[in-house]
Amino acid sequence: MVEDWELGQLYWKQFNKRKDEQLACLDVRQKFFDHFCSKTDLYFFLGTNFKHHTRNTRNPFIIVGVFYPPKNTPSNVEQLELDLLS
């Protein structure tokens, strides 16, 4: 389950634009798989929900956030020096 507010807002934006729930869902899926998965490094912030723990579900974890910085390519990667204190 994904409970990231940005994905929720993307859904509502597309729903208001398209006026169709299924088309809005398709737009969100397309944006997520075409953009986030292929053009960015995708990280998920996991959390739990007390309700899932009390039901003894197999996997109580949910995605509470998504972080998607641009992928590191040789042209935009810069090696930083480690400044060690003596």
Protein backbone atom coordinates (compact mmCIF):
# COMPACT_ATOMS: atom_id res chain seq x y z
CA MET A 1 0.00 0.00 0.00
CA VAL A 2 1.30 3.48 -0.87
CA GLU A 3 0.16 6.35 1.31
CA ASP A 4 2.49 9.02 -0.04
CA TRP A 5 0.67 12.35 -0.15
CA GLU A 6 2.38 13.45 -3.38
CA LEU A 7 1.03 10.45 -5.26
CA GLY A 8 -2.38 11.16 -3.77
CA GLN A 9 -2.19 14.77 -4.93
CA LEU A 10 -1.14 13.62 -8.41
CA TYR A 11 -4.21 11.40 -8.49
CA TRP A 12 -6.55 14.25 -7.50
CA LYS A 13 -4.94 16.59 -10.01
CA GLN A 14 -5.45 14.04 -12.79
CA PHE A 15 -8.97 13.23 -11.59
CA ASN A 16 -9.97 16.90 -11.71
CA LYS A 17 -8.44 17.19 -15.17
CA ARG A 18 -9.89 13.97 -16.64
CA LYS A 19 -13.12 13.62 -14.58
CA ASP A 20 -12.64 9.86 -14.71
CA GLU A 21 -11.27 7.69 -11.88
CA GLN A 22 -9.79 4.98 -14.09
CA LEU A 23 -8.06 7.45 -16.41
CA ALA A 24 -6.63 9.28 -13.39
CA CYS A 25 -5.29 5.97 -12.01
CA LEU A 26 -3.73 5.17 -15.39
CA ASP A 27 -2.06 8.59 -15.47
CA VAL A 28 -0.61 8.06 -11.98
CA ARG A 29 0.65 4.58 -12.92
CA GLN A 30 2.19 5.92 -16.12
CA LYS A 31 3.93 8.78 -14.28
CA PHE A 32 5.15 6.41 -11.56
CA PHE A 33 6.48 3.67 -13.85
CA ASP A 34 7.63 5.78 -16.81
CA HIS A 35 9.19 8.66 -14.91
CA PHE A 36 9.98 7.63 -11.34
CA CYS A 37 11.17 4.09 -12.07
CA SER A 38 13.17 4.81 -15.20
CA LYS A 39 14.56 8.32 -14.75
CA THR A 40 15.14 8.60 -11.01
CA ASP A 41 16.65 6.65 -8.14
CA LEU A 42 13.57 5.53 -6.28
CA TYR A 43 13.56 5.17 -2.49
CA PHE A 44 10.61 4.24 -0.31
CA PHE A 45 10.07 5.36 3.26
CA LEU A 46 8.37 2.53 5.10
CA GLY A 47 6.18 2.82 8.13
CA THR A 48 3.62 0.78 9.95
CA ASN A 49 0.05 1.31 10.97
CA PHE A 50 -1.20 0.30 14.40
CA LYS A 51 -4.35 -1.11 12.82
CA HIS A 52 -2.26 -3.56 10.75
CA HIS A 53 -0.28 -4.67 13.81
CA THR A 54 -3.40 -5.40 15.83
CA ARG A 55 -4.78 -7.55 13.00
CA ASN A 56 -1.56 -9.61 12.93
CA THR A 57 -1.16 -9.14 9.19
CA ARG A 58 1.68 -10.86 7.38
CA ASN A 59 3.26 -7.59 6.36
CA PRO A 60 2.24 -4.53 8.39
CA PHE A 61 4.53 -2.16 6.47
CA ILE A 62 3.18 0.53 4.17
CA ILE A 63 4.96 3.05 1.95
CA VAL A 64 4.53 6.39 3.70
CA GLY A 65 6.82 8.37 1.45
CA VAL A 66 8.67 8.28 -1.84
CA PHE A 67 12.00 9.97 -2.53
CA TYR A 68 13.12 10.20 -6.14
CA PRO A 69 16.38 12.08 -6.77
CA PRO A 70 17.71 12.11 -10.35
CA LYS A 71 19.76 9.09 -11.36
CA ASN A 72 23.49 9.55 -11.12
CA THR A 73 24.96 9.57 -14.57
CA PRO A 74 28.65 10.08 -15.32
CA SER A 75 27.89 13.65 -16.44
CA ASN A 76 26.23 14.77 -13.19
CA VAL A 77 28.24 12.83 -10.61
CA GLU A 78 30.86 14.78 -8.78
CA GLN A 79 33.10 13.08 -6.26
CA LEU A 80 33.23 15.12 -3.08
CA GLU A 81 36.32 15.07 -0.90
CA LEU A 82 36.00 13.80 2.62
CA ASP A 83 37.11 16.50 5.04
CA LEU A 84 38.63 14.67 7.99
CA LEU A 85 39.18 16.49 11.23
CA SER A 86 42.49 15.64 12.89
